[in-house]
Amino acid sequence: MAILRKACRNCTLSKRKCVVQLPKCTRCAQRDLDCTYDLEPLKAATVQTKKPPNMTFNSLVCDTPGYCVMKSVNLHQPTLDPAICGTGNEDNLELIHLGYQCVPDLLRLGKPALFVHPKLQLLGKCNHFTAVLEAQQDNLNYELFERLVRLDIKRLPIIENLTGLQALLVLGACLFPIQHFDTQAYLTIIYEWTQTLLESAQTRMPRDRSPWQAWLFGESVRRTILMSYGLGMALSSFKYGYCTNWLFVESLPFDERAGLWMATSPQAWIAAAGAKTGEEVGEKLISFHEFGKRSDGASCDFRGDPFLALLAFAHNG
C-alpha cells in the first residue's frame, strides 16, 4: 500500500511542520503562498518501533551568553540536513544586500543600522568602522580589508574587536561575490574574530557607562555576533550549497523589544521600553530560535527595526 507525502513542498523545503489541509496548508495560507503537494507516493514501511534520536544535554554551557536549549541538545539523526539551499541562490545575495551593504549609507544619514548604532559612544578608542564610513563605495577595497586582517585580534580591547569585526562584515559583503574573493579564508577570519568577541563579552565589557550606553554596547556586541554568523551562513550557502554553525546560531541571544535599538536618545530608549528610568530597562534577551518560533505566522510590529524584520524573514521565510 502507498501513502502520499505528509507535507507540502514549501514546508518540506523550509523543514517546517505542515498542517495538511486543502486548498492550502495552514502555513502557506498564512503567507499567501502557492501550496503544492507532491503526489509521489511513499512506500509504507513495516510497522516497527523507531529509535528516537540520541539526545544529550550539556548543562555546563548554561551560563554562556549564547545559551539556549538548541545549543545544548545534540541530535544524532541521519536525516538531519544542514543545507539551506542550492549553490548560487539569489536569495542569499539579497540577504547580504539588505543586511550588510546598506549599513554605511544608513549611518551616514545618522540612522541606526542593523548592528551598528550611530549614538554608541566609544570613549575615544580606535573605531575601525570609521574608515568604512569615510571611504566611498568604490574605495571599499582589499587595502582597507587587508589592513584589518593584519591586526592581532587576541590583543585588541573589546571596543576595537567590536568595531573591527563590524568593518570586516561590511567590507566582506561589499567585496563578495568578486571572482577572486577567497570565501573560505574570509569565513575563517570572521569566525576567529567573532569567537574572540564572544569570549571578551563575558569578562571585558566596558564599565562606568550610563544604562543606555551599557545597553547599546551590549546589544551591539550581540547583534554583531549574530550577523557575523549570519553572513558566514549566507556566503557558505551561496558558494557551497550548505552551511555550518546553524544550530549554534539558533541559540544566539538578543533583545527583541521593538523600538529600543531605533531610539536615538536615552529618553526615547526609556520610553520605548515602557520604563520610568534607565535602570529599569535592563536586558530581556531571547534566542534566535525562540524569536523565530514566536514570530512564525504572527503579525509582528518591529517598529522600524530592520534587524528584527531581517531575522524573522531569514528564519521563517
C-alpha atoms as a PDB file:
ATOM      1  CA  MET A   1       0.000   0.000   0.000  1.00  0.00           C
ATOM      2  CA  ALA A   2       1.284   3.501  -0.830  1.00  0.00           C
ATOM      3  CA  ILE A   3       0.673   6.723   1.063  1.00  0.00           C
ATOM      4  CA  LEU A   4       1.111  10.314  -0.125  1.00  0.00           C
ATOM      5  CA  ARG A   5       3.608  12.764   1.282  1.00  0.00           C
ATOM      6  CA  LYS A   6       2.514  14.364   4.556  1.00  0.00           C
ATOM      7  CA  ALA A   7       3.899  17.827   3.841  1.00  0.00           C
ATOM      8  CA  CYS A   8       3.596  20.378   1.067  1.00  0.00           C
ATOM      9  CA  ARG A   9       6.596  21.434  -0.986  1.00  0.00           C
ATOM     10  CA  ASN A  10       7.089  24.774   0.854  1.00  0.00           C
ATOM     11  CA  CYS A  11       7.067  23.211   4.308  1.00  0.00           C
ATOM     12  CA  THR A  12       9.347  20.405   3.149  1.00  0.00           C
ATOM     13  CA  LEU A  13      11.936  22.850   1.793  1.00  0.00           C
ATOM     14  CA  SER A  14      11.680  25.020   4.928  1.00  0.00           C
ATOM     15  CA  LYS A  15      11.867  21.965   7.220  1.00  0.00           C
ATOM     16  CA  ARG A  16       8.661  23.088   8.949  1.00  0.00           C
ATOM     17  CA  LYS A  17       5.738  21.105  10.299  1.00  0.00           C
ATOM     18  CA  CYS A  18       2.959  21.040   7.724  1.00  0.00           C
ATOM     19  CA  VAL A  19      -0.661  21.071   8.881  1.00  0.00           C
ATOM     20  CA  VAL A  20      -2.160  19.386   5.822  1.00  0.00           C
ATOM     21  CA  GLN A  21      -5.455  20.777   4.570  1.00  0.00           C
ATOM     22  CA  LEU A  22      -6.981  21.844   1.270  1.00  0.00           C
ATOM     23  CA  PRO A  23      -6.694  24.008  -0.696  1.00  0.00           C
ATOM     24  CA  LYS A  24      -3.671  25.241   1.311  1.00  0.00           C
ATOM     25  CA  CYS A  25      -1.903  24.088   4.420  1.00  0.00           C
ATOM     26  CA  THR A  26      -2.010  26.418   7.447  1.00  0.00           C
ATOM     27  CA  ARG A  27       1.493  27.837   6.941  1.00  0.00           C
ATOM     28  CA  CYS A  28       1.033  28.580   3.228  1.00  0.00           C
ATOM     29  CA  ALA A  29      -2.378  30.132   3.867  1.00  0.00           C
ATOM     30  CA  GLN A  30      -0.867  32.485   6.458  1.00  0.00           C
ATOM     31  CA  ARG A  31       1.821  33.573   3.984  1.00  0.00           C
ATOM     32  CA  ASP A  32      -0.420  33.586   0.909  1.00  0.00           C
ATOM     33  CA  LEU A  33       1.890  31.111  -0.837  1.00  0.00           C
ATOM     34  CA  ASP A  34       1.099  28.637  -3.562  1.00  0.00           C
ATOM     35  CA  CYS A  35       0.654  25.314  -1.823  1.00  0.00           C
ATOM     36  CA  THR A  36       1.619  22.193  -3.740  1.00  0.00           C
ATOM     37  CA  TYR A  37       1.540  18.614  -2.531  1.00  0.00           C
ATOM     38  CA  ASP A  38       3.850  16.322  -4.421  1.00  0.00           C
ATOM     39  CA  LEU A  39       1.865  13.265  -5.437  1.00  0.00           C
ATOM     40  CA  GLU A  40       4.847  10.966  -5.459  1.00  0.00           C
ATOM     41  CA  PRO A  41       3.862   8.053  -3.208  1.00  0.00           C
ATOM     42  CA  LEU A  42       5.969   6.882  -0.350  1.00  0.00           C
ATOM     43  CA  LYS A  43       6.275   3.224   0.447  1.00  0.00           C
ATOM     44  CA  ALA A  44       4.587   2.376   3.670  1.00  0.00           C
ATOM     45  CA  ALA A  45       7.178   0.952   5.989  1.00  0.00           C
ATOM     46  CA  THR A  46       6.627  -2.139   8.042  1.00  0.00           C
ATOM     47  CA  VAL A  47       5.349  -1.162  11.437  1.00  0.00           C
ATOM     48  CA  GLN A  48       8.248  -1.105  13.822  1.00  0.00           C
ATOM     49  CA  THR A  49       9.406   0.872  16.786  1.00  0.00           C
ATOM     50  CA  LYS A  50      11.641   3.725  15.690  1.00  0.00           C
ATOM     51  CA  LYS A  51      14.597   4.599  17.817  1.00  0.00           C
ATOM     52  CA  PRO A  52      14.427   8.214  18.930  1.00  0.00           C
ATOM     53  CA  PRO A  53      17.362  10.484  18.136  1.00  0.00           C
ATOM     54  CA  ASN A  54      20.247  10.277  20.558  1.00  0.00           C
ATOM     55  CA  MET A  55      19.796  13.414  22.634  1.00  0.00           C
ATOM     56  CA  THR A  56      22.357  14.565  25.159  1.00  0.00           C
ATOM     57  CA  PHE A  57      22.136  17.651  27.355  1.00  0.00           C
ATOM     58  CA  ASN A  58      25.261  19.526  28.422  1.00  0.00           C
ATOM     59  CA  SER A  59      24.494  21.603  31.491  1.00  0.00           C
ATOM     60  CA  LEU A  60      27.993  23.099  31.527  1.00  0.00           C
ATOM     61  CA  VAL A  61      27.076  25.606  28.799  1.00  0.00           C
ATOM     62  CA  CYS A  62      24.065  27.028  30.605  1.00  0.00           C
ATOM     63  CA  ASP A  63      25.945  30.118  31.831  1.00  0.00           C
ATOM     64  CA  THR A  64      27.299  31.234  28.456  1.00  0.00           C
ATOM     65  CA  PRO A  65      25.893  34.291  26.634  1.00  0.00           C
ATOM     66  CA  GLY A  66      24.599  32.138  23.816  1.00  0.00           C
ATOM     67  CA  TYR A  67      22.783  29.643  25.983  1.00  0.00           C
ATOM     68  CA  CYS A  68      19.623  28.123  24.566  1.00  0.00           C
ATOM     69  CA  VAL A  69      18.277  24.604  24.608  1.00  0.00           C
ATOM     70  CA  MET A  70      19.062  24.429  20.878  1.00  0.00           C
ATOM     71  CA  LYS A  71      22.746  24.775  21.733  1.00  0.00           C
ATOM     72  CA  SER A  72      22.709  22.082  24.398  1.00  0.00           C
ATOM     73  CA  VAL A  73      20.778  19.346  22.631  1.00  0.00           C
ATOM     74  CA  ASN A  74      22.767  17.218  20.205  1.00  0.00           C
ATOM     75  CA  LEU A  75      20.639  15.489  17.601  1.00  0.00           C
ATOM     76  CA  HIS A  76      22.342  12.483  16.050  1.00  0.00           C
ATOM     77  CA  GLN A  77      19.853  11.899  13.296  1.00  0.00           C
ATOM     78  CA  PRO A  78      20.885  10.674   9.831  1.00  0.00           C
ATOM     79  CA  THR A  79      18.115  12.656   8.109  1.00  0.00           C
ATOM     80  CA  LEU A  80      19.280  15.963   9.620  1.00  0.00           C
ATOM     81  CA  ASP A  81      20.379  18.059   6.652  1.00  0.00           C
ATOM     82  CA  PRO A  82      22.316  21.292   7.297  1.00  0.00           C
ATOM     83  CA  ALA A  83      21.779  22.505   3.718  1.00  0.00           C
ATOM     84  CA  ILE A  84      19.857  25.740   3.302  1.00  0.00           C
ATOM     85  CA  CYS A  85      19.639  25.929  -0.467  1.00  0.00           C
ATOM     86  CA  GLY A  86      21.449  25.142  -3.664  1.00  0.00           C
ATOM     87  CA  THR A  87      24.596  26.968  -4.730  1.00  0.00           C
ATOM     88  CA  GLY A  88      24.166  30.354  -6.373  1.00  0.00           C
ATOM     89  CA  ASN A  89      20.785  31.035  -4.773  1.00  0.00           C
ATOM     90  CA  GLU A  90      19.989  34.712  -5.335  1.00  0.00           C
ATOM     91  CA  ASP A  91      18.082  34.939  -2.047  1.00  0.00           C
ATOM     92  CA  ASN A  92      21.394  34.820  -0.210  1.00  0.00           C
ATOM     93  CA  LEU A  93      22.729  37.746  -2.234  1.00  0.00           C
ATOM     94  CA  GLU A  94      19.582  39.698  -1.379  1.00  0.00           C
ATOM     95  CA  LEU A  95      20.094  38.872   2.292  1.00  0.00           C
ATOM     96  CA  ILE A  96      23.673  40.164   2.071  1.00  0.00           C
ATOM     97  CA  HIS A  97      22.496  43.339   0.378  1.00  0.00           C
ATOM     98  CA  LEU A  98      19.723  44.023   2.887  1.00  0.00           C
ATOM     99  CA  GLY A  99      21.744  43.132   5.940  1.00  0.00           C
ATOM    100  CA  TYR A 100      25.247  44.455   5.337  1.00  0.00           C
ATOM    101  CA  GLN A 101      25.817  46.576   2.246  1.00  0.00           C
ATOM    102  CA  CYS A 102      23.289  49.198   3.347  1.00  0.00           C
ATOM    103  CA  VAL A 103      24.942  49.780   6.737  1.00  0.00           C
ATOM    104  CA  PRO A 104      27.317  52.650   5.742  1.00  0.00           C
ATOM    105  CA  ASP A 105      24.554  54.559   3.932  1.00  0.00           C
ATOM    106  CA  LEU A 106      22.236  54.398   6.960  1.00  0.00           C
ATOM    107  CA  LEU A 107      24.972  55.553   9.334  1.00  0.00           C
ATOM    108  CA  ARG A 108      25.919  58.480   7.084  1.00  0.00           C
ATOM    109  CA  LEU A 109      22.293  59.596   7.455  1.00  0.00           C
ATOM    110  CA  GLY A 110      22.581  59.305  11.222  1.00  0.00           C
ATOM    111  CA  LYS A 111      20.211  56.345  11.371  1.00  0.00           C
ATOM    112  CA  PRO A 112      20.730  53.123  13.343  1.00  0.00           C
ATOM    113  CA  ALA A 113      21.811  50.288  11.059  1.00  0.00           C
ATOM    114  CA  LEU A 114      21.190  46.614  11.735  1.00  0.00           C
ATOM    115  CA  PHE A 115      24.181  46.042  14.022  1.00  0.00           C
ATOM    116  CA  VAL A 116      25.951  49.431  14.189  1.00  0.00           C
ATOM    117  CA  HIS A 117      24.436  52.323  16.155  1.00  0.00           C
ATOM    118  CA  PRO A 118      25.464  55.957  15.463  1.00  0.00           C
ATOM    119  CA  LYS A 119      24.885  57.010  19.085  1.00  0.00           C
ATOM    120  CA  LEU A 120      27.170  54.426  20.676  1.00  0.00           C
ATOM    121  CA  GLN A 121      29.937  56.353  22.435  1.00  0.00           C
ATOM    122  CA  LEU A 122      33.286  54.594  22.157  1.00  0.00           C
ATOM    123  CA  LEU A 123      35.121  56.904  24.576  1.00  0.00           C
ATOM    124  CA  GLY A 124      37.767  57.992  22.083  1.00  0.00           C
ATOM    125  CA  LYS A 125      39.013  54.490  21.425  1.00  0.00           C
ATOM    126  CA  CYS A 126      40.040  53.350  17.969  1.00  0.00           C
ATOM    127  CA  ASN A 127      36.915  52.885  15.886  1.00  0.00           C
ATOM    128  CA  HIS A 128      37.883  50.764  12.904  1.00  0.00           C
ATOM    129  CA  PHE A 129      34.448  51.272  11.364  1.00  0.00           C
ATOM    130  CA  THR A 130      35.205  54.973  10.854  1.00  0.00           C
ATOM    131  CA  ALA A 131      37.432  54.084   7.899  1.00  0.00           C
ATOM    132  CA  VAL A 132      34.492  52.350   6.231  1.00  0.00           C
ATOM    133  CA  LEU A 133      32.297  55.425   6.653  1.00  0.00           C
ATOM    134  CA  GLU A 134      34.983  57.776   5.340  1.00  0.00           C
ATOM    135  CA  ALA A 135      35.612  55.670   2.238  1.00  0.00           C
ATOM    136  CA  GLN A 136      33.481  55.944  -0.865  1.00  0.00           C
ATOM    137  CA  GLN A 137      31.696  52.837  -2.093  1.00  0.00           C
ATOM    138  CA  ASP A 138      34.225  52.198  -4.874  1.00  0.00           C
ATOM    139  CA  ASN A 139      37.111  52.517  -2.404  1.00  0.00           C
ATOM    140  CA  LEU A 140      35.933  49.683  -0.152  1.00  0.00           C
ATOM    141  CA  ASN A 141      38.736  47.516  -1.455  1.00  0.00           C
ATOM    142  CA  TYR A 142      41.294  44.983  -0.370  1.00  0.00           C
ATOM    143  CA  GLU A 143      43.671  47.612   1.014  1.00  0.00           C
ATOM    144  CA  LEU A 144      41.306  48.510   3.834  1.00  0.00           C
ATOM    145  CA  PHE A 145      40.330  44.875   4.244  1.00  0.00           C
ATOM    146  CA  GLU A 146      43.932  43.636   4.484  1.00  0.00           C
ATOM    147  CA  ARG A 147      44.822  46.381   6.945  1.00  0.00           C
ATOM    148  CA  LEU A 148      42.189  44.998   9.292  1.00  0.00           C
ATOM    149  CA  VAL A 149      43.034  41.307   8.982  1.00  0.00           C
ATOM    150  CA  ARG A 150      46.666  42.032   9.877  1.00  0.00           C
ATOM    151  CA  LEU A 151      45.591  43.172  13.357  1.00  0.00           C
ATOM    152  CA  ASP A 152      46.302  40.846  16.268  1.00  0.00           C
ATOM    153  CA  ILE A 153      42.724  40.304  17.328  1.00  0.00           C
ATOM    154  CA  LYS A 154      43.686  38.498  20.534  1.00  0.00           C
ATOM    155  CA  ARG A 155      45.441  41.609  21.858  1.00  0.00           C
ATOM    156  CA  LEU A 156      42.832  44.204  20.959  1.00  0.00           C
ATOM    157  CA  PRO A 157      40.487  45.771  23.528  1.00  0.00           C
ATOM    158  CA  ILE A 158      36.886  44.675  23.153  1.00  0.00           C
ATOM    159  CA  ILE A 159      35.912  48.039  21.614  1.00  0.00           C
ATOM    160  CA  GLU A 160      38.435  47.586  18.790  1.00  0.00           C
ATOM    161  CA  ASN A 161      37.385  43.967  18.416  1.00  0.00           C
ATOM    162  CA  LEU A 162      33.758  45.051  18.017  1.00  0.00           C
ATOM    163  CA  THR A 163      34.313  47.874  15.515  1.00  0.00           C
ATOM    164  CA  GLY A 164      36.909  45.877  13.597  1.00  0.00           C
ATOM    165  CA  LEU A 165      34.543  42.949  13.173  1.00  0.00           C
ATOM    166  CA  GLN A 166      31.745  45.285  12.105  1.00  0.00           C
ATOM    167  CA  ALA A 167      34.047  46.747   9.451  1.00  0.00           C
ATOM    168  CA  LEU A 168      35.077  43.281   8.263  1.00  0.00           C
ATOM    169  CA  LEU A 169      31.444  42.249   7.852  1.00  0.00           C
ATOM    170  CA  VAL A 170      30.567  45.248   5.690  1.00  0.00           C
ATOM    171  CA  LEU A 171      33.780  45.013   3.647  1.00  0.00           C
ATOM    172  CA  GLY A 172      33.318  41.304   3.022  1.00  0.00           C
ATOM    173  CA  ALA A 173      29.709  41.805   1.954  1.00  0.00           C
ATOM    174  CA  CYS A 174      30.773  44.541  -0.477  1.00  0.00           C
ATOM    175  CA  LEU A 175      33.659  42.522  -1.912  1.00  0.00           C
ATOM    176  CA  PHE A 176      31.590  39.363  -2.414  1.00  0.00           C
ATOM    177  CA  PRO A 177      30.943  37.807  -4.953  1.00  0.00           C
ATOM    178  CA  ILE A 178      34.082  39.067  -6.733  1.00  0.00           C
ATOM    179  CA  GLN A 179      35.509  36.082  -8.535  1.00  0.00           C
ATOM    180  CA  HIS A 180      38.889  36.050  -6.812  1.00  0.00           C
ATOM    181  CA  PHE A 181      37.434  36.665  -3.345  1.00  0.00           C
ATOM    182  CA  ASP A 182      38.585  33.795  -1.114  1.00  0.00           C
ATOM    183  CA  THR A 183      35.336  32.958   0.654  1.00  0.00           C
ATOM    184  CA  GLN A 184      36.728  30.215   2.866  1.00  0.00           C
ATOM    185  CA  ALA A 185      39.662  32.293   4.091  1.00  0.00           C
ATOM    186  CA  TYR A 186      37.292  35.156   4.851  1.00  0.00           C
ATOM    187  CA  LEU A 187      34.942  32.899   6.801  1.00  0.00           C
ATOM    188  CA  THR A 188      37.876  31.631   8.863  1.00  0.00           C
ATOM    189  CA  ILE A 189      38.824  35.203   9.737  1.00  0.00           C
ATOM    190  CA  ILE A 190      35.378  36.428  10.756  1.00  0.00           C
ATOM    191  CA  TYR A 191      34.712  33.306  12.817  1.00  0.00           C
ATOM    192  CA  GLU A 192      38.006  33.847  14.675  1.00  0.00           C
ATOM    193  CA  TRP A 193      37.160  37.489  15.334  1.00  0.00           C
ATOM    194  CA  THR A 194      33.615  36.588  16.356  1.00  0.00           C
ATOM    195  CA  GLN A 195      34.754  33.907  18.784  1.00  0.00           C
ATOM    196  CA  THR A 196      37.168  36.372  20.355  1.00  0.00           C
ATOM    197  CA  LEU A 197      34.377  38.930  20.726  1.00  0.00           C
ATOM    198  CA  LEU A 198      32.082  36.308  22.250  1.00  0.00           C
ATOM    199  CA  GLU A 199      34.735  35.371  24.814  1.00  0.00           C
ATOM    200  CA  SER A 200      35.557  39.020  25.586  1.00  0.00           C
ATOM    201  CA  ALA A 201      31.891  39.837  26.166  1.00  0.00           C
ATOM    202  CA  GLN A 202      31.903  37.625  29.242  1.00  0.00           C
ATOM    203  CA  THR A 203      34.808  39.345  31.023  1.00  0.00           C
ATOM    204  CA  ARG A 204      35.869  42.583  29.311  1.00  0.00           C
ATOM    205  CA  MET A 205      32.728  44.664  28.843  1.00  0.00           C
ATOM    206  CA  PRO A 206      33.321  48.420  29.428  1.00  0.00           C
ATOM    207  CA  ARG A 207      32.352  49.715  32.850  1.00  0.00           C
ATOM    208  CA  ASP A 208      31.084  53.041  34.221  1.00  0.00           C
ATOM    209  CA  ARG A 209      28.632  53.686  31.398  1.00  0.00           C
ATOM    210  CA  SER A 210      25.135  55.093  31.604  1.00  0.00           C
ATOM    211  CA  PRO A 211      22.341  52.494  31.438  1.00  0.00           C
ATOM    212  CA  TRP A 212      21.603  53.472  27.814  1.00  0.00           C
ATOM    213  CA  GLN A 213      25.230  53.295  26.698  1.00  0.00           C
ATOM    214  CA  ALA A 214      25.739  49.990  28.526  1.00  0.00           C
ATOM    215  CA  TRP A 215      22.680  48.535  26.800  1.00  0.00           C
ATOM    216  CA  LEU A 216      23.755  49.912  23.407  1.00  0.00           C
ATOM    217  CA  PHE A 217      27.214  48.381  23.733  1.00  0.00           C
ATOM    218  CA  GLY A 218      25.874  45.004  24.870  1.00  0.00           C
ATOM    219  CA  GLU A 219      23.251  44.892  22.127  1.00  0.00           C
ATOM    220  CA  SER A 220      25.846  45.969  19.536  1.00  0.00           C
ATOM    221  CA  VAL A 221      28.003  43.018  20.573  1.00  0.00           C
ATOM    222  CA  ARG A 222      25.072  40.597  20.454  1.00  0.00           C
ATOM    223  CA  ARG A 223      23.826  41.807  17.063  1.00  0.00           C
ATOM    224  CA  THR A 224      27.319  41.843  15.557  1.00  0.00           C
ATOM    225  CA  ILE A 225      27.967  38.261  16.667  1.00  0.00           C
ATOM    226  CA  LEU A 226      24.664  37.063  15.223  1.00  0.00           C
ATOM    227  CA  MET A 227      25.122  38.990  11.970  1.00  0.00           C
ATOM    228  CA  SER A 228      28.661  37.636  11.674  1.00  0.00           C
ATOM    229  CA  TYR A 229      27.477  34.046  11.746  1.00  0.00           C
ATOM    230  CA  GLY A 230      24.550  35.017   9.546  1.00  0.00           C
ATOM    231  CA  LEU A 231      26.875  36.386   6.875  1.00  0.00           C
ATOM    232  CA  GLY A 232      29.017  33.275   7.115  1.00  0.00           C
ATOM    233  CA  MET A 233      25.973  31.079   6.585  1.00  0.00           C
ATOM    234  CA  ALA A 234      24.765  33.147   3.621  1.00  0.00           C
ATOM    235  CA  LEU A 235      28.172  33.115   1.920  1.00  0.00           C
ATOM    236  CA  SER A 236      28.689  29.423   2.553  1.00  0.00           C
ATOM    237  CA  SER A 237      25.238  28.553   1.239  1.00  0.00           C
ATOM    238  CA  PHE A 238      25.715  30.616  -1.915  1.00  0.00           C
ATOM    239  CA  LYS A 239      29.196  29.257  -2.571  1.00  0.00           C
ATOM    240  CA  TYR A 240      28.929  25.630  -1.456  1.00  0.00           C
ATOM    241  CA  GLY A 241      25.220  24.886  -1.089  1.00  0.00           C
ATOM    242  CA  TYR A 242      25.396  24.180   2.637  1.00  0.00           C
ATOM    243  CA  CYS A 243      26.451  25.889   5.836  1.00  0.00           C
ATOM    244  CA  THR A 244      27.664  25.020   9.293  1.00  0.00           C
ATOM    245  CA  ASN A 245      27.011  26.636  12.678  1.00  0.00           C
ATOM    246  CA  TRP A 246      23.274  26.879  12.012  1.00  0.00           C
ATOM    247  CA  LEU A 247      22.361  25.115  15.271  1.00  0.00           C
ATOM    248  CA  PHE A 248      24.656  27.411  17.255  1.00  0.00           C
ATOM    249  CA  VAL A 249      23.243  30.485  15.516  1.00  0.00           C
ATOM    250  CA  GLU A 250      19.740  29.492  16.635  1.00  0.00           C
ATOM    251  CA  SER A 251      20.925  29.786  20.235  1.00  0.00           C
ATOM    252  CA  LEU A 252      22.405  33.304  19.955  1.00  0.00           C
ATOM    253  CA  PRO A 253      20.594  35.914  22.098  1.00  0.00           C
ATOM    254  CA  PHE A 254      19.497  39.497  21.550  1.00  0.00           C
ATOM    255  CA  ASP A 255      16.951  41.939  22.967  1.00  0.00           C
ATOM    256  CA  GLU A 256      13.761  41.577  20.945  1.00  0.00           C
ATOM    257  CA  ARG A 257      11.915  44.573  22.388  1.00  0.00           C
ATOM    258  CA  ALA A 258      10.937  46.574  19.330  1.00  0.00           C
ATOM    259  CA  GLY A 259      11.894  50.239  19.314  1.00  0.00           C
ATOM    260  CA  LEU A 260      14.801  50.166  21.771  1.00  0.00           C
ATOM    261  CA  TRP A 261      17.511  49.914  19.099  1.00  0.00           C
ATOM    262  CA  MET A 262      15.890  52.586  16.947  1.00  0.00           C
ATOM    263  CA  ALA A 263      15.936  55.128  19.798  1.00  0.00           C
ATOM    264  CA  THR A 264      18.460  57.945  19.318  1.00  0.00           C
ATOM    265  CA  SER A 265      18.319  59.389  22.836  1.00  0.00           C
ATOM    266  CA  PRO A 266      18.186  57.916  26.347  1.00  0.00           C
ATOM    267  CA  GLN A 267      14.731  59.428  26.843  1.00  0.00           C
ATOM    268  CA  ALA A 268      13.370  57.752  23.695  1.00  0.00           C
ATOM    269  CA  TRP A 269      15.058  54.497  24.733  1.00  0.00           C
ATOM    270  CA  ILE A 270      13.400  54.559  28.164  1.00  0.00           C
ATOM    271  CA  ALA A 271      10.016  55.385  26.626  1.00  0.00           C
ATOM    272  CA  ALA A 272      10.342  52.555  24.078  1.00  0.00           C
ATOM    273  CA  ALA A 273      10.902  50.123  26.954  1.00  0.00           C
ATOM    274  CA  GLY A 274       7.863  51.415  28.818  1.00  0.00           C
ATOM    275  CA  ALA A 275      10.062  52.214  31.810  1.00  0.00           C
ATOM    276  CA  LYS A 276      10.430  55.238  34.074  1.00  0.00           C
ATOM    277  CA  THR A 277      14.227  55.222  34.463  1.00  0.00           C
ATOM    278  CA  GLY A 278      17.176  53.796  32.573  1.00  0.00           C
ATOM    279  CA  GLU A 279      17.931  51.419  35.414  1.00  0.00           C
ATOM    280  CA  GLU A 280      14.500  49.837  34.963  1.00  0.00           C
ATOM    281  CA  VAL A 281      15.063  48.982  31.285  1.00  0.00           C
ATOM    282  CA  GLY A 282      17.630  46.235  31.878  1.00  0.00           C
ATOM    283  CA  GLU A 283      18.018  43.425  29.343  1.00  0.00           C
ATOM    284  CA  LYS A 284      15.374  40.977  28.163  1.00  0.00           C
ATOM    285  CA  LEU A 285      17.132  38.511  25.906  1.00  0.00           C
ATOM    286  CA  ILE A 286      15.683  35.853  23.656  1.00  0.00           C
ATOM    287  CA  SER A 287      17.420  33.298  21.458  1.00  0.00           C
ATOM    288  CA  PHE A 288      17.139  33.439  17.675  1.00  0.00           C
ATOM    289  CA  HIS A 289      15.374  30.068  17.785  1.00  0.00           C
ATOM    290  CA  GLU A 290      12.756  31.254  20.280  1.00  0.00           C
ATOM    291  CA  PHE A 291      12.280  34.532  18.402  1.00  0.00           C
ATOM    292  CA  GLY A 292      11.819  32.686  15.110  1.00  0.00           C
ATOM    293  CA  LYS A 293       9.186  30.364  16.529  1.00  0.00           C
ATOM    294  CA  ARG A 294       7.354  33.231  18.210  1.00  0.00           C
ATOM    295  CA  SER A 295       7.266  35.345  15.040  1.00  0.00           C
ATOM    296  CA  ASP A 296       6.384  32.482  12.693  1.00  0.00           C
ATOM    297  CA  GLY A 297       2.981  33.248  11.213  1.00  0.00           C
ATOM    298  CA  ALA A 298       2.420  36.155  13.592  1.00  0.00           C
ATOM    299  CA  SER A 299       1.702  39.741  12.666  1.00  0.00           C
ATOM    300  CA  CYS A 300       4.669  41.498  14.262  1.00  0.00           C
ATOM    301  CA  ASP A 301       5.306  45.217  14.655  1.00  0.00           C
ATOM    302  CA  PHE A 302       9.084  45.668  14.713  1.00  0.00           C
ATOM    303  CA  ARG A 303       8.695  49.485  14.940  1.00  0.00           C
ATOM    304  CA  GLY A 304      11.122  50.150  12.131  1.00  0.00           C
ATOM    305  CA  ASP A 305      13.905  47.874  13.397  1.00  0.00           C
ATOM    306  CA  PRO A 306      15.288  46.169  10.256  1.00  0.00           C
ATOM    307  CA  PHE A 307      17.334  43.720  12.333  1.00  0.00           C
ATOM    308  CA  LEU A 308      14.250  42.098  13.824  1.00  0.00           C
ATOM    309  CA  ALA A 309      12.475  42.072  10.464  1.00  0.00           C
ATOM    310  CA  LEU A 310      15.501  40.530   8.745  1.00  0.00           C
ATOM    311  CA  LEU A 311      15.798  37.785  11.370  1.00  0.00           C
ATOM    312  CA  ALA A 312      12.106  36.939  11.098  1.00  0.00           C
ATOM    313  CA  PHE A 313      12.460  36.728   7.309  1.00  0.00           C
ATOM    314  CA  ALA A 314      15.661  34.671   7.487  1.00  0.00           C
ATOM    315  CA  HIS A 315      14.198  32.206   9.979  1.00  0.00           C
ATOM    316  CA  ASN A 316      10.680  31.795   8.631  1.00  0.00           C
ATOM    317  CA  GLY A 317      10.784  32.912   5.017  1.00  0.00           C
END
